[in-house]
Amino acid sequence: MSKYLAYPFLTDDAADLKCDFEILTDEISSMIGLLGSLLNARDRAADPCLARDLSTINELMYHINPSLRTRVAVTNEELQWLYGKTESLQKAVEGLPKAGSSAFFLPRGCTQAAMSHVIRVKCKSLVRLLSRYEQQGNNVDKILFDFANLYSGYFFSLALWFNKIHDEKEHSFKSRVY
């Protein structure tokens, strides 16, 4: 093994998605860290707990990271905490569609909202990767699906919240196909 290897599992069999899962959770966690660094005075004034919440959400993603290779280290209590945070955001943007609805918004607005949308999409990729891993005959704890889906909903709601406090208008999108 090369002394320059960035991560010991990078040469795992391509069909084994555990390393891909770990890289994706690492990427999402890095993006959450970036989002935290983008918080400004307006964001902090609108929600004094947001920086701490993002830090906790970041740590939870790293606790999820080794779940396919070792064991699940996140709890239902932590899932419920994140669900409560998501509900609070949804109440704060009352009147706008919730994550999972059939309404579409173009993913834009202030920088923090745009970054939240990028994280939201990456979390959907995480759900897809978990689905592929499970379809290969592997067991996936339901809480991992719940967290990945909830993360997507949280960051969708957070994007709407950022745009609201930054006075950015949401731009709805009507598909020509759906």
C-alpha atoms as a PDB file:
ATOM      1  CA  MET A   1       0.000   0.000   0.000  1.00  0.00           C
ATOM      2  CA  SER A   2       1.330   3.415  -0.926  1.00  0.00           C
ATOM      3  CA  LYS A   3       2.378   5.796   1.825  1.00  0.00           C
ATOM      4  CA  TYR A   4       0.495   8.457  -0.156  1.00  0.00           C
ATOM      5  CA  LEU A   5      -2.904   6.744  -0.002  1.00  0.00           C
ATOM      6  CA  ALA A   6      -5.584   9.235   1.046  1.00  0.00           C
ATOM      7  CA  TYR A   7      -7.929   6.648   2.578  1.00  0.00           C
ATOM      8  CA  PRO A   8      -7.329   2.917   3.099  1.00  0.00           C
ATOM      9  CA  PHE A   9     -10.578   1.764   1.463  1.00  0.00           C
ATOM     10  CA  LEU A  10     -10.221   3.643  -1.835  1.00  0.00           C
ATOM     11  CA  THR A  11      -9.162   0.486  -3.655  1.00  0.00           C
ATOM     12  CA  ASP A  12     -12.071  -1.641  -2.410  1.00  0.00           C
ATOM     13  CA  ASP A  13     -14.020  -3.564  -5.043  1.00  0.00           C
ATOM     14  CA  ALA A  14     -16.107  -1.155  -7.146  1.00  0.00           C
ATOM     15  CA  ALA A  15     -19.303  -3.067  -6.404  1.00  0.00           C
ATOM     16  CA  ASP A  16     -18.775  -2.599  -2.658  1.00  0.00           C
ATOM     17  CA  LEU A  17     -20.468   0.721  -1.969  1.00  0.00           C
ATOM     18  CA  LYS A  18     -19.256   1.169   1.616  1.00  0.00           C
ATOM     19  CA  CYS A  19     -16.338   3.391   0.608  1.00  0.00           C
ATOM     20  CA  ASP A  20     -18.599   5.422  -1.716  1.00  0.00           C
ATOM     21  CA  PHE A  21     -20.973   5.918   1.221  1.00  0.00           C
ATOM     22  CA  GLU A  22     -18.125   7.074   3.442  1.00  0.00           C
ATOM     23  CA  ILE A  23     -16.811   9.490   0.823  1.00  0.00           C
ATOM     24  CA  LEU A  24     -20.290  10.934   0.226  1.00  0.00           C
ATOM     25  CA  THR A  25     -20.974  11.425   3.947  1.00  0.00           C
ATOM     26  CA  ASP A  26     -17.547  13.065   4.252  1.00  0.00           C
ATOM     27  CA  GLU A  27     -18.406  15.360   1.330  1.00  0.00           C
ATOM     28  CA  ILE A  28     -21.767  16.291   2.867  1.00  0.00           C
ATOM     29  CA  SER A  29     -20.152  16.949   6.216  1.00  0.00           C
ATOM     30  CA  SER A  30     -17.561  19.178   4.539  1.00  0.00           C
ATOM     31  CA  MET A  31     -20.344  21.115   2.820  1.00  0.00           C
ATOM     32  CA  ILE A  32     -22.171  21.560   6.119  1.00  0.00           C
ATOM     33  CA  GLY A  33     -18.939  22.957   7.554  1.00  0.00           C
ATOM     34  CA  LEU A  34     -18.692  25.338   4.603  1.00  0.00           C
ATOM     35  CA  LEU A  35     -22.277  26.464   5.132  1.00  0.00           C
ATOM     36  CA  GLY A  36     -21.510  27.149   8.790  1.00  0.00           C
ATOM     37  CA  SER A  37     -18.621  29.354   7.734  1.00  0.00           C
ATOM     38  CA  LEU A  38     -20.976  31.377   5.516  1.00  0.00           C
ATOM     39  CA  LEU A  39     -23.273  32.414   8.372  1.00  0.00           C
ATOM     40  CA  ASN A  40     -23.359  36.176   8.785  1.00  0.00           C
ATOM     41  CA  ALA A  41     -24.660  38.550  11.432  1.00  0.00           C
ATOM     42  CA  ARG A  42     -28.194  38.512   9.975  1.00  0.00           C
ATOM     43  CA  ASP A  43     -28.301  34.698  10.077  1.00  0.00           C
ATOM     44  CA  ARG A  44     -26.980  34.576  13.639  1.00  0.00           C
ATOM     45  CA  ALA A  45     -29.435  37.248  14.795  1.00  0.00           C
ATOM     46  CA  ALA A  46     -32.388  35.451  13.177  1.00  0.00           C
ATOM     47  CA  ASP A  47     -31.412  32.163  14.875  1.00  0.00           C
ATOM     48  CA  PRO A  48     -28.754  32.379  17.586  1.00  0.00           C
ATOM     49  CA  CYS A  49     -28.663  28.554  17.794  1.00  0.00           C
ATOM     50  CA  LEU A  50     -28.076  27.939  14.082  1.00  0.00           C
ATOM     51  CA  ALA A  51     -24.263  27.738  14.196  1.00  0.00           C
ATOM     52  CA  ARG A  52     -24.440  25.248  17.067  1.00  0.00           C
ATOM     53  CA  ASP A  53     -27.188  23.274  15.321  1.00  0.00           C
ATOM     54  CA  LEU A  54     -25.147  23.040  12.115  1.00  0.00           C
ATOM     55  CA  SER A  55     -22.167  21.866  14.148  1.00  0.00           C
ATOM     56  CA  THR A  56     -24.288  19.112  15.718  1.00  0.00           C
ATOM     57  CA  ILE A  57     -25.749  18.161  12.331  1.00  0.00           C
ATOM     58  CA  ASN A  58     -22.209  18.024  10.955  1.00  0.00           C
ATOM     59  CA  GLU A  59     -21.081  15.721  13.775  1.00  0.00           C
ATOM     60  CA  LEU A  60     -24.105  13.470  13.269  1.00  0.00           C
ATOM     61  CA  MET A  61     -23.156  13.018   9.607  1.00  0.00           C
ATOM     62  CA  TYR A  62     -19.704  11.865  10.703  1.00  0.00           C
ATOM     63  CA  HIS A  63     -21.313   9.436  13.155  1.00  0.00           C
ATOM     64  CA  ILE A  64     -23.328   8.089  10.209  1.00  0.00           C
ATOM     65  CA  ASN A  65     -20.157   7.790   8.088  1.00  0.00           C
ATOM     66  CA  PRO A  66     -18.888   4.345   9.269  1.00  0.00           C
ATOM     67  CA  SER A  67     -22.357   2.806   9.656  1.00  0.00           C
ATOM     68  CA  LEU A  68     -22.151   0.416   6.692  1.00  0.00           C
ATOM     69  CA  ARG A  69     -18.650  -0.794   7.585  1.00  0.00           C
ATOM     70  CA  THR A  70     -18.985  -1.036  11.375  1.00  0.00           C
ATOM     71  CA  ARG A  71     -22.192  -0.258  13.247  1.00  0.00           C
ATOM     72  CA  VAL A  72     -24.883   2.404  13.425  1.00  0.00           C
ATOM     73  CA  ALA A  73     -23.903   5.018  15.998  1.00  0.00           C
ATOM     74  CA  VAL A  74     -26.774   7.500  15.658  1.00  0.00           C
ATOM     75  CA  THR A  75     -29.873   7.275  17.817  1.00  0.00           C
ATOM     76  CA  ASN A  76     -33.599   7.734  17.465  1.00  0.00           C
ATOM     77  CA  GLU A  77     -33.344  10.608  19.968  1.00  0.00           C
ATOM     78  CA  GLU A  78     -30.924  12.381  17.618  1.00  0.00           C
ATOM     79  CA  LEU A  79     -33.256  11.695  14.691  1.00  0.00           C
ATOM     80  CA  GLN A  80     -36.146  13.218  16.652  1.00  0.00           C
ATOM     81  CA  TRP A  81     -33.992  16.243  17.518  1.00  0.00           C
ATOM     82  CA  LEU A  82     -33.294  16.823  13.815  1.00  0.00           C
ATOM     83  CA  TYR A  83     -36.986  16.307  13.028  1.00  0.00           C
ATOM     84  CA  GLY A  84     -37.845  18.996  15.593  1.00  0.00           C
ATOM     85  CA  LYS A  85     -35.339  21.375  14.014  1.00  0.00           C
ATOM     86  CA  THR A  86     -36.861  20.683  10.598  1.00  0.00           C
ATOM     87  CA  GLU A  87     -40.387  21.320  11.882  1.00  0.00           C
ATOM     88  CA  SER A  88     -39.257  24.624  13.418  1.00  0.00           C
ATOM     89  CA  LEU A  89     -37.833  25.738  10.073  1.00  0.00           C
ATOM     90  CA  GLN A  90     -41.020  24.717   8.296  1.00  0.00           C
ATOM     91  CA  LYS A  91     -43.075  26.798  10.728  1.00  0.00           C
ATOM     92  CA  ALA A  92     -40.740  29.740  10.156  1.00  0.00           C
ATOM     93  CA  VAL A  93     -41.419  29.593   6.406  1.00  0.00           C
ATOM     94  CA  GLU A  94     -45.139  28.918   6.817  1.00  0.00           C
ATOM     95  CA  GLY A  95     -47.012  29.250   3.560  1.00  0.00           C
ATOM     96  CA  LEU A  96     -44.212  27.843   1.417  1.00  0.00           C
ATOM     97  CA  PRO A  97     -44.330  24.188   0.361  1.00  0.00           C
ATOM     98  CA  LYS A  98     -42.651  21.612   2.577  1.00  0.00           C
ATOM     99  CA  ALA A  99     -39.926  19.231   1.491  1.00  0.00           C
ATOM    100  CA  GLY A 100     -41.415  16.290  -0.352  1.00  0.00           C
ATOM    101  CA  SER A 101     -44.346  18.273  -1.736  1.00  0.00           C
ATOM    102  CA  SER A 102     -45.039  18.446  -5.445  1.00  0.00           C
ATOM    103  CA  ALA A 103     -44.042  22.128  -5.603  1.00  0.00           C
ATOM    104  CA  PHE A 104     -40.674  22.993  -7.095  1.00  0.00           C
ATOM    105  CA  PHE A 105     -38.456  26.007  -6.539  1.00  0.00           C
ATOM    106  CA  LEU A 106     -35.397  26.866  -8.526  1.00  0.00           C
ATOM    107  CA  PRO A 107     -32.421  26.263  -6.242  1.00  0.00           C
ATOM    108  CA  ARG A 108     -31.134  29.798  -5.907  1.00  0.00           C
ATOM    109  CA  GLY A 109     -31.227  32.848  -3.719  1.00  0.00           C
ATOM    110  CA  CYS A 110     -28.657  34.028  -1.220  1.00  0.00           C
ATOM    111  CA  THR A 111     -25.347  32.164  -0.942  1.00  0.00           C
ATOM    112  CA  GLN A 112     -26.421  30.334   2.212  1.00  0.00           C
ATOM    113  CA  ALA A 113     -29.651  29.143   0.575  1.00  0.00           C
ATOM    114  CA  ALA A 114     -27.821  28.012  -2.554  1.00  0.00           C
ATOM    115  CA  MET A 115     -25.361  26.029  -0.423  1.00  0.00           C
ATOM    116  CA  SER A 116     -28.260  24.512   1.514  1.00  0.00           C
ATOM    117  CA  HIS A 117     -29.770  23.363  -1.788  1.00  0.00           C
ATOM    118  CA  VAL A 118     -26.470  21.735  -2.803  1.00  0.00           C
ATOM    119  CA  ILE A 119     -26.390  19.853   0.506  1.00  0.00           C
ATOM    120  CA  ARG A 120     -30.062  18.878   0.054  1.00  0.00           C
ATOM    121  CA  VAL A 121     -29.296  17.274  -3.299  1.00  0.00           C
ATOM    122  CA  LYS A 122     -26.245  15.466  -1.923  1.00  0.00           C
ATOM    123  CA  CYS A 123     -28.445  14.023   0.817  1.00  0.00           C
ATOM    124  CA  LYS A 124     -30.804  12.682  -1.853  1.00  0.00           C
ATOM    125  CA  SER A 125     -27.753  11.060  -3.467  1.00  0.00           C
ATOM    126  CA  LEU A 126     -27.035   9.494  -0.092  1.00  0.00           C
ATOM    127  CA  VAL A 127     -30.531   7.980  -0.009  1.00  0.00           C
ATOM    128  CA  ARG A 128     -29.987   6.621  -3.516  1.00  0.00           C
ATOM    129  CA  LEU A 129     -26.633   5.118  -2.579  1.00  0.00           C
ATOM    130  CA  LEU A 130     -28.180   3.446   0.483  1.00  0.00           C
ATOM    131  CA  SER A 131     -30.935   2.060  -1.758  1.00  0.00           C
ATOM    132  CA  ARG A 132     -28.388   0.615  -4.185  1.00  0.00           C
ATOM    133  CA  TYR A 133     -26.423  -0.917  -1.303  1.00  0.00           C
ATOM    134  CA  GLU A 134     -29.600  -2.508   0.076  1.00  0.00           C
ATOM    135  CA  GLN A 135     -30.617  -3.766  -3.404  1.00  0.00           C
ATOM    136  CA  GLN A 136     -27.304  -5.629  -3.520  1.00  0.00           C
ATOM    137  CA  GLY A 137     -28.632  -7.771  -0.671  1.00  0.00           C
ATOM    138  CA  ASN A 138     -27.094  -5.893   2.236  1.00  0.00           C
ATOM    139  CA  ASN A 139     -28.984  -4.927   5.353  1.00  0.00           C
ATOM    140  CA  VAL A 140     -29.375  -1.210   5.932  1.00  0.00           C
ATOM    141  CA  ASP A 141     -30.713   0.004   9.249  1.00  0.00           C
ATOM    142  CA  LYS A 142     -33.909   2.005   8.671  1.00  0.00           C
ATOM    143  CA  ILE A 143     -32.549   4.881  10.752  1.00  0.00           C
ATOM    144  CA  LEU A 144     -29.928   5.561   8.059  1.00  0.00           C
ATOM    145  CA  PHE A 145     -32.659   6.025   5.454  1.00  0.00           C
ATOM    146  CA  ASP A 146     -34.601   8.173   7.914  1.00  0.00           C
ATOM    147  CA  PHE A 147     -31.599  10.394   8.635  1.00  0.00           C
ATOM    148  CA  ALA A 148     -30.609  10.780   4.972  1.00  0.00           C
ATOM    149  CA  ASN A 149     -34.164  11.677   3.928  1.00  0.00           C
ATOM    150  CA  LEU A 150     -34.605  14.020   6.888  1.00  0.00           C
ATOM    151  CA  TYR A 151     -31.298  15.729   6.152  1.00  0.00           C
ATOM    152  CA  SER A 152     -32.618  16.493   2.661  1.00  0.00           C
ATOM    153  CA  GLY A 153     -35.816  17.933   4.121  1.00  0.00           C
ATOM    154  CA  TYR A 154     -33.918  19.940   6.726  1.00  0.00           C
ATOM    155  CA  PHE A 155     -31.649  21.557   4.146  1.00  0.00           C
ATOM    156  CA  PHE A 156     -34.596  22.263   1.831  1.00  0.00           C
ATOM    157  CA  SER A 157     -36.376  24.065   4.673  1.00  0.00           C
ATOM    158  CA  LEU A 158     -33.163  25.798   5.689  1.00  0.00           C
ATOM    159  CA  ALA A 159     -32.725  27.114   2.128  1.00  0.00           C
ATOM    160  CA  LEU A 160     -36.238  28.589   2.221  1.00  0.00           C
ATOM    161  CA  TRP A 161     -35.527  30.076   5.654  1.00  0.00           C
ATOM    162  CA  PHE A 162     -32.275  31.695   4.492  1.00  0.00           C
ATOM    163  CA  ASN A 163     -34.018  33.224   1.488  1.00  0.00           C
ATOM    164  CA  LYS A 164     -36.815  34.508   3.704  1.00  0.00           C
ATOM    165  CA  ILE A 165     -34.515  36.259   6.180  1.00  0.00           C
ATOM    166  CA  HIS A 166     -32.411  37.666   3.332  1.00  0.00           C
ATOM    167  CA  ASP A 167     -35.523  38.969   1.533  1.00  0.00           C
ATOM    168  CA  GLU A 168     -34.866  36.768  -1.486  1.00  0.00           C
ATOM    169  CA  LYS A 169     -37.922  35.773  -3.488  1.00  0.00           C
ATOM    170  CA  GLU A 170     -38.458  32.091  -4.166  1.00  0.00           C
ATOM    171  CA  HIS A 171     -38.846  31.289  -7.855  1.00  0.00           C
ATOM    172  CA  SER A 172     -41.325  28.491  -8.424  1.00  0.00           C
ATOM    173  CA  PHE A 173     -40.731  26.090 -11.272  1.00  0.00           C
ATOM    174  CA  LYS A 174     -43.424  24.388 -13.328  1.00  0.00           C
ATOM    175  CA  SER A 175     -42.155  21.327 -15.159  1.00  0.00           C
ATOM    176  CA  ARG A 176     -43.242  20.753 -18.737  1.00  0.00           C
ATOM    177  CA  VAL A 177     -43.321  17.040 -18.007  1.00  0.00           C
ATOM    178  CA  TYR A 178     -44.603  16.438 -14.439  1.00  0.00           C
END
